[in-house]
Amino acid sequence: MMKTKPFLIIQSALCILAAVLLISATVQVYIKGSARLAADPTESIYTKEEAVSAAAPGTAVMIIALCFAVIGRLKGIHDENADRPVKEIDFDKERQMAYRGGTVGLAQIIIFVAAIICIAAGIVNGSMMDVLIKAVKVCTECIGLG
């Protein structure tokens, strides 16, 4: 147990680091592409070379995390608590926690704020008009309204 716990912690940290690096690479490519698009409207936001160079560190960490997962699987390293059945959830207590601002309420607020930020980014990005055009086409062409 004592030898497996540090291994599992390192593996989890590598997975989280890979996710953070890949997300930051995506944001970096988008920001650079937006600047390039502002300078020349005919340019594409995304280029293959820029995406590959930005994603290289995250991909390397992800490959290391995958190697840790394979090593852990081959050596039989796993969390002993993962095989235990999950305790029964008291939904009434969870619902009360949500209304009192407990952990469930906090998670709901974080997801709601993230959704609002993504919607606002889509509106600023101009994606709102694309979605509207696609919705109109679906209603008029496929379903037969109008």
C-alpha atoms as a PDB file:
ATOM      1  CA  MET A   1       0.000   0.000   0.000  1.00  0.00           C
ATOM      2  CA  MET A   2       2.712   2.484   0.918  1.00  0.00           C
ATOM      3  CA  LYS A   3       4.650   1.836  -2.305  1.00  0.00           C
ATOM      4  CA  THR A   4       1.618   2.122  -4.557  1.00  0.00           C
ATOM      5  CA  LYS A   5       0.281   5.388  -3.183  1.00  0.00           C
ATOM      6  CA  PRO A   6       3.185   7.605  -4.392  1.00  0.00           C
ATOM      7  CA  PHE A   7       3.042   5.890  -7.785  1.00  0.00           C
ATOM      8  CA  LEU A   8      -0.684   6.611  -8.098  1.00  0.00           C
ATOM      9  CA  ILE A   9      -0.188  10.214  -6.948  1.00  0.00           C
ATOM     10  CA  ILE A  10       2.538  10.768  -9.560  1.00  0.00           C
ATOM     11  CA  GLN A  11       0.360   9.184 -12.246  1.00  0.00           C
ATOM     12  CA  SER A  12      -2.577  11.418 -11.313  1.00  0.00           C
ATOM     13  CA  ALA A  13      -0.381  14.513 -11.247  1.00  0.00           C
ATOM     14  CA  LEU A  14       0.973  13.678 -14.705  1.00  0.00           C
ATOM     15  CA  CYS A  15      -2.551  13.306 -16.090  1.00  0.00           C
ATOM     16  CA  ILE A  16      -3.614  16.645 -14.604  1.00  0.00           C
ATOM     17  CA  LEU A  17      -0.452  18.336 -15.885  1.00  0.00           C
ATOM     18  CA  ALA A  18      -1.036  16.931 -19.383  1.00  0.00           C
ATOM     19  CA  ALA A  19      -4.596  18.257 -19.378  1.00  0.00           C
ATOM     20  CA  VAL A  20      -3.482  21.713 -18.219  1.00  0.00           C
ATOM     21  CA  LEU A  21      -0.707  21.874 -20.819  1.00  0.00           C
ATOM     22  CA  LEU A  22      -3.007  20.806 -23.647  1.00  0.00           C
ATOM     23  CA  ILE A  23      -5.679  23.315 -22.623  1.00  0.00           C
ATOM     24  CA  SER A  24      -3.112  26.111 -22.436  1.00  0.00           C
ATOM     25  CA  ALA A  25      -1.764  25.064 -25.855  1.00  0.00           C
ATOM     26  CA  THR A  26      -5.260  25.328 -27.297  1.00  0.00           C
ATOM     27  CA  VAL A  27      -5.729  28.806 -25.843  1.00  0.00           C
ATOM     28  CA  GLN A  28      -2.273  29.852 -27.068  1.00  0.00           C
ATOM     29  CA  VAL A  29      -2.996  28.690 -30.631  1.00  0.00           C
ATOM     30  CA  TYR A  30      -6.356  30.471 -30.596  1.00  0.00           C
ATOM     31  CA  ILE A  31      -4.886  33.762 -29.336  1.00  0.00           C
ATOM     32  CA  LYS A  32      -2.062  33.730 -31.896  1.00  0.00           C
ATOM     33  CA  GLY A  33      -4.481  32.756 -34.651  1.00  0.00           C
ATOM     34  CA  SER A  34      -6.904  35.521 -33.699  1.00  0.00           C
ATOM     35  CA  ALA A  35      -4.097  38.063 -33.902  1.00  0.00           C
ATOM     36  CA  ARG A  36      -3.069  36.695 -37.292  1.00  0.00           C
ATOM     37  CA  LEU A  37      -6.701  36.805 -38.462  1.00  0.00           C
ATOM     38  CA  ALA A  38      -7.027  40.417 -37.326  1.00  0.00           C
ATOM     39  CA  ALA A  39      -3.943  41.353 -39.357  1.00  0.00           C
ATOM     40  CA  ASP A  40      -5.065  39.462 -42.473  1.00  0.00           C
ATOM     41  CA  PRO A  41      -8.751  38.378 -42.680  1.00  0.00           C
ATOM     42  CA  THR A  42      -7.956  35.751 -45.298  1.00  0.00           C
ATOM     43  CA  GLU A  43      -5.653  33.838 -42.923  1.00  0.00           C
ATOM     44  CA  SER A  44      -6.817  30.803 -41.004  1.00  0.00           C
ATOM     45  CA  ILE A  45      -6.875  30.900 -37.221  1.00  0.00           C
ATOM     46  CA  TYR A  46      -5.342  27.449 -36.947  1.00  0.00           C
ATOM     47  CA  THR A  47      -2.267  26.179 -38.718  1.00  0.00           C
ATOM     48  CA  LYS A  48      -0.998  22.635 -38.448  1.00  0.00           C
ATOM     49  CA  GLU A  49       2.578  23.681 -37.633  1.00  0.00           C
ATOM     50  CA  GLU A  50       1.514  26.046 -34.859  1.00  0.00           C
ATOM     51  CA  ALA A  51      -0.831  23.491 -33.330  1.00  0.00           C
ATOM     52  CA  VAL A  52       1.857  20.795 -33.337  1.00  0.00           C
ATOM     53  CA  SER A  53       4.473  23.070 -31.771  1.00  0.00           C
ATOM     54  CA  ALA A  54       2.064  24.312 -29.098  1.00  0.00           C
ATOM     55  CA  ALA A  55       0.790  20.831 -28.202  1.00  0.00           C
ATOM     56  CA  ALA A  56       4.233  19.161 -28.054  1.00  0.00           C
ATOM     57  CA  PRO A  57       4.861  19.658 -24.292  1.00  0.00           C
ATOM     58  CA  GLY A  58       1.381  18.460 -23.339  1.00  0.00           C
ATOM     59  CA  THR A  59       1.651  15.487 -25.645  1.00  0.00           C
ATOM     60  CA  ALA A  60       5.016  14.513 -24.162  1.00  0.00           C
ATOM     61  CA  VAL A  61       3.608  14.615 -20.624  1.00  0.00           C
ATOM     62  CA  MET A  62       0.559  12.653 -21.785  1.00  0.00           C
ATOM     63  CA  ILE A  63       2.822   9.945 -23.246  1.00  0.00           C
ATOM     64  CA  ILE A  64       4.750   9.759 -19.965  1.00  0.00           C
ATOM     65  CA  ALA A  65       1.455   9.430 -18.075  1.00  0.00           C
ATOM     66  CA  LEU A  66       0.424   6.656 -20.468  1.00  0.00           C
ATOM     67  CA  CYS A  67       3.723   4.873 -19.791  1.00  0.00           C
ATOM     68  CA  PHE A  68       3.041   5.143 -16.057  1.00  0.00           C
ATOM     69  CA  ALA A  69      -0.408   3.627 -16.636  1.00  0.00           C
ATOM     70  CA  VAL A  70       1.062   0.708 -18.605  1.00  0.00           C
ATOM     71  CA  ILE A  71       3.763   0.118 -15.971  1.00  0.00           C
ATOM     72  CA  GLY A  72       1.176   0.236 -13.219  1.00  0.00           C
ATOM     73  CA  ARG A  73      -1.014  -2.230 -15.072  1.00  0.00           C
ATOM     74  CA  LEU A  74       1.898  -4.620 -15.722  1.00  0.00           C
ATOM     75  CA  LYS A  75       3.081  -4.487 -12.109  1.00  0.00           C
ATOM     76  CA  GLY A  76      -0.462  -4.788 -10.758  1.00  0.00           C
ATOM     77  CA  ILE A  77      -0.422  -1.431  -9.008  1.00  0.00           C
ATOM     78  CA  HIS A  78      -3.937  -0.225  -8.320  1.00  0.00           C
ATOM     79  CA  ASP A  79      -6.000   1.518  -5.689  1.00  0.00           C
ATOM     80  CA  GLU A  80      -7.372  -1.022  -3.240  1.00  0.00           C
ATOM     81  CA  ASN A  81     -10.366   1.209  -2.524  1.00  0.00           C
ATOM     82  CA  ALA A  82     -11.424   1.168  -6.173  1.00  0.00           C
ATOM     83  CA  ASP A  83     -12.889  -2.349  -5.847  1.00  0.00           C
ATOM     84  CA  ARG A  84     -15.067  -1.493  -2.864  1.00  0.00           C
ATOM     85  CA  PRO A  85     -18.720  -0.799  -3.552  1.00  0.00           C
ATOM     86  CA  VAL A  86     -19.772   2.811  -3.412  1.00  0.00           C
ATOM     87  CA  LYS A  87     -21.802   3.702  -0.371  1.00  0.00           C
ATOM     88  CA  GLU A  88     -25.426   4.430  -1.027  1.00  0.00           C
ATOM     89  CA  ILE A  89     -26.063   8.096  -1.688  1.00  0.00           C
ATOM     90  CA  ASP A  90     -28.670   9.897   0.377  1.00  0.00           C
ATOM     91  CA  PHE A  91     -30.220  12.096  -2.304  1.00  0.00           C
ATOM     92  CA  ASP A  92     -32.271  14.131   0.162  1.00  0.00           C
ATOM     93  CA  LYS A  93     -29.118  15.115   2.051  1.00  0.00           C
ATOM     94  CA  GLU A  94     -27.320  15.958  -1.230  1.00  0.00           C
ATOM     95  CA  ARG A  95     -30.271  18.095  -2.354  1.00  0.00           C
ATOM     96  CA  GLN A  96     -30.254  19.961   0.965  1.00  0.00           C
ATOM     97  CA  MET A  97     -26.508  20.568   0.638  1.00  0.00           C
ATOM     98  CA  ALA A  98     -27.080  22.026  -2.821  1.00  0.00           C
ATOM     99  CA  TYR A  99     -29.560  24.546  -1.528  1.00  0.00           C
ATOM    100  CA  ARG A 100     -27.378  25.487   1.434  1.00  0.00           C
ATOM    101  CA  GLY A 101     -24.388  26.164  -0.792  1.00  0.00           C
ATOM    102  CA  GLY A 102     -22.462  22.982   0.023  1.00  0.00           C
ATOM    103  CA  THR A 103     -20.070  21.208  -2.297  1.00  0.00           C
ATOM    104  CA  VAL A 104     -22.793  20.250  -4.749  1.00  0.00           C
ATOM    105  CA  GLY A 105     -23.982  23.857  -4.869  1.00  0.00           C
ATOM    106  CA  LEU A 106     -20.443  25.076  -5.477  1.00  0.00           C
ATOM    107  CA  ALA A 107     -19.952  22.611  -8.332  1.00  0.00           C
ATOM    108  CA  GLN A 108     -23.224  23.722  -9.900  1.00  0.00           C
ATOM    109  CA  ILE A 109     -22.190  27.371  -9.664  1.00  0.00           C
ATOM    110  CA  ILE A 110     -18.778  26.658 -11.212  1.00  0.00           C
ATOM    111  CA  ILE A 111     -20.360  24.748 -14.114  1.00  0.00           C
ATOM    112  CA  PHE A 112     -22.934  27.504 -14.619  1.00  0.00           C
ATOM    113  CA  VAL A 113     -20.245  30.217 -14.700  1.00  0.00           C
ATOM    114  CA  ALA A 114     -18.138  28.139 -17.113  1.00  0.00           C
ATOM    115  CA  ALA A 115     -21.181  27.706 -19.384  1.00  0.00           C
ATOM    116  CA  ILE A 116     -21.860  31.457 -19.362  1.00  0.00           C
ATOM    117  CA  ILE A 117     -18.199  32.160 -20.203  1.00  0.00           C
ATOM    118  CA  CYS A 118     -18.302  29.664 -23.098  1.00  0.00           C
ATOM    119  CA  ILE A 119     -21.549  31.147 -24.420  1.00  0.00           C
ATOM    120  CA  ALA A 120     -20.101  34.659 -24.228  1.00  0.00           C
ATOM    121  CA  ALA A 121     -16.921  33.513 -25.990  1.00  0.00           C
ATOM    122  CA  GLY A 122     -19.031  31.958 -28.749  1.00  0.00           C
ATOM    123  CA  ILE A 123     -20.995  35.174 -29.189  1.00  0.00           C
ATOM    124  CA  VAL A 124     -17.828  37.272 -29.347  1.00  0.00           C
ATOM    125  CA  ASN A 125     -16.226  34.723 -31.695  1.00  0.00           C
ATOM    126  CA  GLY A 126     -19.129  34.987 -34.128  1.00  0.00           C
ATOM    127  CA  SER A 127     -20.203  31.379 -33.696  1.00  0.00           C
ATOM    128  CA  MET A 128     -23.680  32.448 -32.642  1.00  0.00           C
ATOM    129  CA  MET A 129     -24.578  33.344 -36.228  1.00  0.00           C
ATOM    130  CA  ASP A 130     -23.285  29.975 -37.485  1.00  0.00           C
ATOM    131  CA  VAL A 131     -25.452  28.126 -34.970  1.00  0.00           C
ATOM    132  CA  LEU A 132     -28.468  30.233 -35.893  1.00  0.00           C
ATOM    133  CA  ILE A 133     -27.969  29.573 -39.618  1.00  0.00           C
ATOM    134  CA  LYS A 134     -27.625  25.826 -38.990  1.00  0.00           C
ATOM    135  CA  ALA A 135     -30.759  25.812 -36.818  1.00  0.00           C
ATOM    136  CA  VAL A 136     -32.743  27.641 -39.486  1.00  0.00           C
ATOM    137  CA  LYS A 137     -31.556  25.179 -42.136  1.00  0.00           C
ATOM    138  CA  VAL A 138     -32.521  22.208 -39.985  1.00  0.00           C
ATOM    139  CA  CYS A 139     -35.991  23.617 -39.359  1.00  0.00           C
ATOM    140  CA  THR A 140     -36.664  24.633 -42.942  1.00  0.00           C
ATOM    141  CA  GLU A 141     -34.949  21.840 -44.904  1.00  0.00           C
ATOM    142  CA  CYS A 142     -34.982  18.717 -42.780  1.00  0.00           C
ATOM    143  CA  ILE A 143     -38.069  19.041 -40.634  1.00  0.00           C
ATOM    144  CA  GLY A 144     -40.095  20.883 -43.270  1.00  0.00           C
ATOM    145  CA  LEU A 145     -41.172  23.968 -41.367  1.00  0.00           C
ATOM    146  CA  GLY A 146     -41.725  26.989 -43.609  1.00  0.00           C
END
